[in-house]
Amino acid sequence: MVELKVRKFGNSLGVILPKEVLQRLSGAEGDKLFLIETTGSEYRLTPYDPAFEAKMAKADDIMSRYRNTLHELAK
């Protein structure tokens, strides 16, 4: 567990992530992170956009079902 302290940045509030946390998230300055609300009142911090992952899963499904058609269209 990592303890974070909420601090004031201008007119906003924020937290500073320790270097170890950013390394574990494979993040760097300027990268986007996503705070996802899970069941109950818990949150998960991730570098992956769940909406993008859902779109890619749908695209994979379409590509696998219409593989031959897409192959012909690519010619």
PDB file of N, CA and C in Angstrom:
ATOM      1  N   MET A   1       0.848  -1.171   0.000  1.00  0.00           N
ATOM      2  CA  MET A   1       0.000   0.000   0.000  1.00  0.00           C
ATOM      3  C   MET A   1       0.893   1.234   0.000  1.00  0.00           C
ATOM      4  N   VAL A   2       0.501   2.212  -0.782  1.00  0.00           N
ATOM      5  CA  VAL A   2       1.231   3.463  -0.877  1.00  0.00           C
ATOM      6  C   VAL A   2       0.322   4.563  -0.366  1.00  0.00           C
ATOM      7  N   GLU A   3       0.819   5.338   0.572  1.00  0.00           N
ATOM      8  CA  GLU A   3       0.036   6.449   1.118  1.00  0.00           C
ATOM      9  C   GLU A   3       0.302   7.691   0.282  1.00  0.00           C
ATOM     10  N   LEU A   4      -0.775   8.331  -0.169  1.00  0.00           N
ATOM     11  CA  LEU A   4      -0.673   9.551  -0.955  1.00  0.00           C
ATOM     12  C   LEU A   4      -1.299  10.697  -0.173  1.00  0.00           C
ATOM     13  N   LYS A   5      -0.767  11.877  -0.353  1.00  0.00           N
ATOM     14  CA  LYS A   5      -1.281  13.051   0.345  1.00  0.00           C
ATOM     15  C   LYS A   5      -1.904  13.988  -0.678  1.00  0.00           C
ATOM     16  N   VAL A   6      -3.118  14.436  -0.411  1.00  0.00           N
ATOM     17  CA  VAL A   6      -3.805  15.368  -1.297  1.00  0.00           C
ATOM     18  C   VAL A   6      -3.221  16.761  -1.038  1.00  0.00           C
ATOM     19  N   ARG A   7      -2.827  17.405  -2.136  1.00  0.00           N
ATOM     20  CA  ARG A   7      -2.213  18.732  -2.038  1.00  0.00           C
ATOM     21  C   ARG A   7      -2.927  19.699  -2.968  1.00  0.00           C
ATOM     22  N   LYS A   8      -2.755  20.965  -2.677  1.00  0.00           N
ATOM     23  CA  LYS A   8      -3.361  21.999  -3.502  1.00  0.00           C
ATOM     24  C   LYS A   8      -2.375  22.395  -4.594  1.00  0.00           C
ATOM     25  N   PHE A   9      -2.868  22.420  -5.845  1.00  0.00           N
ATOM     26  CA  PHE A   9      -2.098  22.865  -7.003  1.00  0.00           C
ATOM     27  C   PHE A   9      -2.907  23.965  -7.677  1.00  0.00           C
ATOM     28  N   GLY A  10      -2.578  25.198  -7.421  1.00  0.00           N
ATOM     29  CA  GLY A  10      -3.366  26.315  -7.958  1.00  0.00           C
ATOM     30  C   GLY A  10      -4.752  26.285  -7.343  1.00  0.00           C
ATOM     31  N   ASN A  11      -5.785  26.205  -8.191  1.00  0.00           N
ATOM     32  CA  ASN A  11      -7.169  26.133  -7.711  1.00  0.00           C
ATOM     33  C   ASN A  11      -7.671  24.697  -7.629  1.00  0.00           C
ATOM     34  N   SER A  12      -6.799  23.731  -7.866  1.00  0.00           N
ATOM     35  CA  SER A  12      -7.198  22.325  -7.890  1.00  0.00           C
ATOM     36  C   SER A  12      -6.519  21.552  -6.768  1.00  0.00           C
ATOM     37  N   LEU A  13      -6.982  20.317  -6.585  1.00  0.00           N
ATOM     38  CA  LEU A  13      -6.361  19.398  -5.648  1.00  0.00           C
ATOM     39  C   LEU A  13      -5.789  18.235  -6.435  1.00  0.00           C
ATOM     40  N   GLY A  14      -4.700  17.659  -5.946  1.00  0.00           N
ATOM     41  CA  GLY A  14      -4.094  16.541  -6.654  1.00  0.00           C
ATOM     42  C   GLY A  14      -3.198  15.743  -5.739  1.00  0.00           C
ATOM     43  N   VAL A  15      -2.653  14.681  -6.268  1.00  0.00           N
ATOM     44  CA  VAL A  15      -1.709  13.838  -5.543  1.00  0.00           C
ATOM     45  C   VAL A  15      -0.462  13.671  -6.398  1.00  0.00           C
ATOM     46  N   ILE A  16       0.657  13.445  -5.744  1.00  0.00           N
ATOM     47  CA  ILE A  16       1.905  13.167  -6.431  1.00  0.00           C
ATOM     48  C   ILE A  16       2.153  11.675  -6.313  1.00  0.00           C
ATOM     49  N   LEU A  17       2.381  11.029  -7.464  1.00  0.00           N
ATOM     50  CA  LEU A  17       2.647   9.596  -7.462  1.00  0.00           C
ATOM     51  C   LEU A  17       4.146   9.362  -7.316  1.00  0.00           C
ATOM     52  N   PRO A  18       4.537   8.512  -6.389  1.00  0.00           N
ATOM     53  CA  PRO A  18       5.956   8.200  -6.239  1.00  0.00           C
ATOM     54  C   PRO A  18       6.516   7.524  -7.488  1.00  0.00           C
ATOM     55  N   LYS A  19       7.816   7.650  -7.674  1.00  0.00           N
ATOM     56  CA  LYS A  19       8.490   7.094  -8.849  1.00  0.00           C
ATOM     57  C   LYS A  19       8.223   5.595  -8.983  1.00  0.00           C
ATOM     58  N   GLU A  20       8.194   4.878  -7.867  1.00  0.00           N
ATOM     59  CA  GLU A  20       7.958   3.431  -7.907  1.00  0.00           C
ATOM     60  C   GLU A  20       6.578   3.104  -8.462  1.00  0.00           C
ATOM     61  N   VAL A  21       5.592   3.921  -8.115  1.00  0.00           N
ATOM     62  CA  VAL A  21       4.226   3.694  -8.608  1.00  0.00           C
ATOM     63  C   VAL A  21       4.180   3.925 -10.111  1.00  0.00           C
ATOM     64  N   LEU A  22       4.805   5.007 -10.574  1.00  0.00           N
ATOM     65  CA  LEU A  22       4.820   5.279 -12.016  1.00  0.00           C
ATOM     66  C   LEU A  22       5.554   4.195 -12.782  1.00  0.00           C
ATOM     67  N   GLN A  23       6.631   3.676 -12.222  1.00  0.00           N
ATOM     68  CA  GLN A  23       7.349   2.592 -12.895  1.00  0.00           C
ATOM     69  C   GLN A  23       6.462   1.363 -13.010  1.00  0.00           C
ATOM     70  N   ARG A  24       5.737   1.065 -11.958  1.00  0.00           N
ATOM     71  CA  ARG A  24       4.858  -0.114 -11.982  1.00  0.00           C
ATOM     72  C   ARG A  24       3.725   0.049 -12.990  1.00  0.00           C
ATOM     73  N   LEU A  25       3.265   1.298 -13.178  1.00  0.00           N
ATOM     74  CA  LEU A  25       2.203   1.584 -14.150  1.00  0.00           C
ATOM     75  C   LEU A  25       2.773   1.786 -15.558  1.00  0.00           C
ATOM     76  N   SER A  26       4.092   1.698 -15.686  1.00  0.00           N
ATOM     77  CA  SER A  26       4.780   1.974 -16.958  1.00  0.00           C
ATOM     78  C   SER A  26       4.423   3.363 -17.465  1.00  0.00           C
ATOM     79  N   GLY A  27       4.401   4.308 -16.550  1.00  0.00           N
ATOM     80  CA  GLY A  27       4.023   5.668 -16.901  1.00  0.00           C
ATOM     81  C   GLY A  27       5.194   6.622 -16.803  1.00  0.00           C
ATOM     82  N   ALA A  28       5.024   7.773 -17.436  1.00  0.00           N
ATOM     83  CA  ALA A  28       6.020   8.828 -17.406  1.00  0.00           C
ATOM     84  C   ALA A  28       5.292  10.164 -17.433  1.00  0.00           C
ATOM     85  N   GLU A  29       6.048  11.226 -17.282  1.00  0.00           N
ATOM     86  CA  GLU A  29       5.455  12.553 -17.284  1.00  0.00           C
ATOM     87  C   GLU A  29       4.718  12.803 -18.592  1.00  0.00           C
ATOM     88  N   GLY A  30       3.477  13.278 -18.485  1.00  0.00           N
ATOM     89  CA  GLY A  30       2.663  13.561 -19.656  1.00  0.00           C
ATOM     90  C   GLY A  30       1.765  12.424 -20.090  1.00  0.00           C
ATOM     91  N   ASP A  31       1.991  11.218 -19.577  1.00  0.00           N
ATOM     92  CA  ASP A  31       1.134  10.079 -19.925  1.00  0.00           C
ATOM     93  C   ASP A  31      -0.239  10.234 -19.276  1.00  0.00           C
ATOM     94  N   LYS A  32      -1.237   9.614 -19.888  1.00  0.00           N
ATOM     95  CA  LYS A  32      -2.584   9.601 -19.317  1.00  0.00           C
ATOM     96  C   LYS A  32      -2.746   8.377 -18.436  1.00  0.00           C
ATOM     97  N   LEU A  33      -3.397   8.564 -17.307  1.00  0.00           N
ATOM     98  CA  LEU A  33      -3.789   7.466 -16.424  1.00  0.00           C
ATOM     99  C   LEU A  33      -5.299   7.541 -16.259  1.00  0.00           C
ATOM    100  N   PHE A  34      -5.911   6.404 -16.030  1.00  0.00           N
ATOM    101  CA  PHE A  34      -7.367   6.343 -15.905  1.00  0.00           C
ATOM    102  C   PHE A  34      -7.737   5.833 -14.527  1.00  0.00           C
ATOM    103  N   LEU A  35      -8.596   6.572 -13.849  1.00  0.00           N
ATOM    104  CA  LEU A  35      -9.098   6.187 -12.538  1.00  0.00           C
ATOM    105  C   LEU A  35     -10.483   5.589 -12.746  1.00  0.00           C
ATOM    106  N   ILE A  36     -10.590   4.289 -12.518  1.00  0.00           N
ATOM    107  CA  ILE A  36     -11.824   3.559 -12.807  1.00  0.00           C
ATOM    108  C   ILE A  36     -12.513   3.203 -11.498  1.00  0.00           C
ATOM    109  N   GLU A  37     -13.806   3.515 -11.420  1.00  0.00           N
ATOM    110  CA  GLU A  37     -14.576   3.135 -10.233  1.00  0.00           C
ATOM    111  C   GLU A  37     -14.993   1.680 -10.387  1.00  0.00           C
ATOM    112  N   THR A  38     -14.652   0.865  -9.402  1.00  0.00           N
ATOM    113  CA  THR A  38     -15.015  -0.543  -9.420  1.00  0.00           C
ATOM    114  C   THR A  38     -16.222  -0.741  -8.515  1.00  0.00           C
ATOM    115  N   THR A  39     -16.541  -1.984  -8.216  1.00  0.00           N
ATOM    116  CA  THR A  39     -17.692  -2.256  -7.359  1.00  0.00           C
ATOM    117  C   THR A  39     -17.513  -1.601  -5.999  1.00  0.00           C
ATOM    118  N   GLY A  40     -18.604  -1.174  -5.446  1.00  0.00           N
ATOM    119  CA  GLY A  40     -18.547  -0.509  -4.150  1.00  0.00           C
ATOM    120  C   GLY A  40     -17.970   0.881  -4.299  1.00  0.00           C
ATOM    121  N   SER A  41     -17.147   1.270  -3.361  1.00  0.00           N
ATOM    122  CA  SER A  41     -16.559   2.609  -3.400  1.00  0.00           C
ATOM    123  C   SER A  41     -15.052   2.539  -3.636  1.00  0.00           C
ATOM    124  N   GLU A  42     -14.615   1.546  -4.399  1.00  0.00           N
ATOM    125  CA  GLU A  42     -13.193   1.372  -4.667  1.00  0.00           C
ATOM    126  C   GLU A  42     -12.843   1.919  -6.042  1.00  0.00           C
ATOM    127  N   TYR A  43     -11.581   2.287  -6.199  1.00  0.00           N
ATOM    128  CA  TYR A  43     -11.088   2.811  -7.463  1.00  0.00           C
ATOM    129  C   TYR A  43      -9.843   2.044  -7.889  1.00  0.00           C
ATOM    130  N   ARG A  44      -9.600   2.041  -9.191  1.00  0.00           N
ATOM    131  CA  ARG A  44      -8.417   1.380  -9.752  1.00  0.00           C
ATOM    132  C   ARG A  44      -7.724   2.366 -10.687  1.00  0.00           C
ATOM    133  N   LEU A  45      -6.419   2.521 -10.526  1.00  0.00           N
ATOM    134  CA  LEU A  45      -5.633   3.411 -11.368  1.00  0.00           C
ATOM    135  C   LEU A  45      -4.912   2.572 -12.408  1.00  0.00           C
ATOM    136  N   THR A  46      -5.096   2.899 -13.680  1.00  0.00           N
ATOM    137  CA  THR A  46      -4.533   2.089 -14.747  1.00  0.00           C
ATOM    138  C   THR A  46      -4.079   2.974 -15.905  1.00  0.00           C
ATOM    139  N   PRO A  47      -3.052   2.554 -16.634  1.00  0.00           N
ATOM    140  CA  PRO A  47      -2.647   3.310 -17.817  1.00  0.00           C
ATOM    141  C   PRO A  47      -3.468   2.943 -19.053  1.00  0.00           C
ATOM    142  N   TYR A  48      -4.361   1.970 -18.931  1.00  0.00           N
ATOM    143  CA  TYR A  48      -5.135   1.484 -20.065  1.00  0.00           C
ATOM    144  C   TYR A  48      -6.548   2.036 -20.043  1.00  0.00           C
ATOM    145  N   ASP A  49      -6.989   2.526 -21.187  1.00  0.00           N
ATOM    146  CA  ASP A  49      -8.340   3.060 -21.330  1.00  0.00           C
ATOM    147  C   ASP A  49      -9.301   1.893 -21.536  1.00  0.00           C
ATOM    148  N   PRO A  50     -10.195   1.619 -20.576  1.00  0.00           N
ATOM    149  CA  PRO A  50     -11.105   0.481 -20.717  1.00  0.00           C
ATOM    150  C   PRO A  50     -12.051   0.622 -21.911  1.00  0.00           C
ATOM    151  N   ALA A  51     -12.423   1.834 -22.275  1.00  0.00           N
ATOM    152  CA  ALA A  51     -13.299   2.026 -23.428  1.00  0.00           C
ATOM    153  C   ALA A  51     -12.566   1.634 -24.713  1.00  0.00           C
ATOM    154  N   PHE A  52     -11.288   1.971 -24.800  1.00  0.00           N
ATOM    155  CA  PHE A  52     -10.495   1.600 -25.973  1.00  0.00           C
ATOM    156  C   PHE A  52     -10.333   0.089 -26.047  1.00  0.00           C
ATOM    157  N   GLU A  53     -10.104  -0.543 -24.901  1.00  0.00           N
ATOM    158  CA  GLU A  53      -9.963  -1.996 -24.874  1.00  0.00           C
ATOM    159  C   GLU A  53     -11.243  -2.680 -25.345  1.00  0.00           C
ATOM    160  N   ALA A  54     -12.394  -2.140 -24.957  1.00  0.00           N
ATOM    161  CA  ALA A  54     -13.671  -2.718 -25.390  1.00  0.00           C
ATOM    162  C   ALA A  54     -13.836  -2.570 -26.904  1.00  0.00           C
ATOM    163  N   LYS A  55     -13.434  -1.416 -27.437  1.00  0.00           N
ATOM    164  CA  LYS A  55     -13.524  -1.208 -28.888  1.00  0.00           C
ATOM    165  C   LYS A  55     -12.602  -2.168 -29.631  1.00  0.00           C
ATOM    166  N   MET A  56     -11.406  -2.371 -29.104  1.00  0.00           N
ATOM    167  CA  MET A  56     -10.465  -3.278 -29.754  1.00  0.00           C
ATOM    168  C   MET A  56     -10.964  -4.724 -29.704  1.00  0.00           C
ATOM    169  N   ALA A  57     -11.604  -5.106 -28.617  1.00  0.00           N
ATOM    170  CA  ALA A  57     -12.172  -6.455 -28.530  1.00  0.00           C
ATOM    171  C   ALA A  57     -13.259  -6.636 -29.582  1.00  0.00           C
ATOM    172  N   LYS A  58     -14.074  -5.610 -29.775  1.00  0.00           N
ATOM    173  CA  LYS A  58     -15.128  -5.658 -30.797  1.00  0.00           C
ATOM    174  C   LYS A  58     -14.506  -5.749 -32.194  1.00  0.00           C
ATOM    175  N   ALA A  59     -13.448  -4.960 -32.423  1.00  0.00           N
ATOM    176  CA  ALA A  59     -12.771  -4.994 -33.720  1.00  0.00           C
ATOM    177  C   ALA A  59     -12.153  -6.367 -33.970  1.00  0.00           C
ATOM    178  N   ASP A  60     -11.544  -6.955 -32.957  1.00  0.00           N
ATOM    179  CA  ASP A  60     -10.977  -8.300 -33.104  1.00  0.00           C
ATOM    180  C   ASP A  60     -12.055  -9.314 -33.458  1.00  0.00           C
ATOM    181  N   ASP A  61     -13.216  -9.195 -32.837  1.00  0.00           N
ATOM    182  CA  ASP A  61     -14.331 -10.098 -33.115  1.00  0.00           C
ATOM    183  C   ASP A  61     -14.778  -9.961 -34.566  1.00  0.00           C
ATOM    184  N   ILE A  62     -14.928  -8.724 -35.024  1.00  0.00           N
ATOM    185  CA  ILE A  62     -15.356  -8.482 -36.403  1.00  0.00           C
ATOM    186  C   ILE A  62     -14.312  -9.003 -37.381  1.00  0.00           C
ATOM    187  N   MET A  63     -13.033  -8.741 -37.096  1.00  0.00           N
ATOM    188  CA  MET A  63     -11.976  -9.192 -38.005  1.00  0.00           C
ATOM    189  C   MET A  63     -11.890 -10.711 -38.073  1.00  0.00           C
ATOM    190  N   SER A  64     -12.156 -11.371 -36.962  1.00  0.00           N
ATOM    191  CA  SER A  64     -12.093 -12.832 -36.997  1.00  0.00           C
ATOM    192  C   SER A  64     -13.294 -13.427 -37.729  1.00  0.00           C
ATOM    193  N   ARG A  65     -14.469 -12.812 -37.583  1.00  0.00           N
ATOM    194  CA  ARG A  65     -15.658 -13.335 -38.261  1.00  0.00           C
ATOM    195  C   ARG A  65     -15.640 -13.066 -39.758  1.00  0.00           C
ATOM    196  N   TYR A  66     -15.076 -11.919 -40.160  1.00  0.00           N
ATOM    197  CA  TYR A  66     -15.085 -11.534 -41.568  1.00  0.00           C
ATOM    198  C   TYR A  66     -13.670 -11.524 -42.145  1.00  0.00           C
ATOM    199  N   ARG A  67     -12.834 -12.446 -41.699  1.00  0.00           N
ATOM    200  CA  ARG A  67     -11.447 -12.506 -42.118  1.00  0.00           C
ATOM    201  C   ARG A  67     -11.313 -12.617 -43.626  1.00  0.00           C
ATOM    202  N   ASN A  68     -12.049 -13.535 -44.244  1.00  0.00           N
ATOM    203  CA  ASN A  68     -11.955 -13.739 -45.695  1.00  0.00           C
ATOM    204  C   ASN A  68     -12.434 -12.517 -46.467  1.00  0.00           C
ATOM    205  N   THR A  69     -13.518 -11.918 -46.025  1.00  0.00           N
ATOM    206  CA  THR A  69     -14.046 -10.723 -46.692  1.00  0.00           C
ATOM    207  C   THR A  69     -13.047  -9.581 -46.610  1.00  0.00           C
ATOM    208  N   LEU A  70     -12.485  -9.358 -45.435  1.00  0.00           N
ATOM    209  CA  LEU A  70     -11.499  -8.289 -45.276  1.00  0.00           C
ATOM    210  C   LEU A  70     -10.242  -8.554 -46.096  1.00  0.00           C
ATOM    211  N   HIS A  71      -9.878  -9.812 -46.207  1.00  0.00           N
ATOM    212  CA  HIS A  71      -8.714 -10.176 -47.015  1.00  0.00           C
ATOM    213  C   HIS A  71      -8.951  -9.836 -48.480  1.00  0.00           C
ATOM    214  N   GLU A  72     -10.149 -10.125 -48.985  1.00  0.00           N
ATOM    215  CA  GLU A  72     -10.491  -9.801 -50.366  1.00  0.00           C
ATOM    216  C   GLU A  72     -10.549  -8.301 -50.587  1.00  0.00           C
ATOM    217  N   LEU A  73     -11.099  -7.570 -49.625  1.00  0.00           N
ATOM    218  CA  LEU A  73     -11.191  -6.112 -49.757  1.00  0.00           C
ATOM    219  C   LEU A  73      -9.814  -5.448 -49.738  1.00  0.00           C
ATOM    220  N   ALA A  74      -8.854  -6.087 -49.110  1.00  0.00           N
ATOM    221  CA  ALA A  74      -7.513  -5.528 -48.994  1.00  0.00           C
ATOM    222  C   ALA A  74      -6.719  -5.647 -50.288  1.00  0.00           C
ATOM    223  N   LYS A  75      -7.196  -6.437 -51.230  1.00  0.00           N
ATOM    224  CA  LYS A  75      -6.466  -6.639 -52.504  1.00  0.00           C
ATOM    225  C   LYS A  75      -6.548  -5.432 -53.381  1.00  0.00           C
TER     226      LYS A  75
END
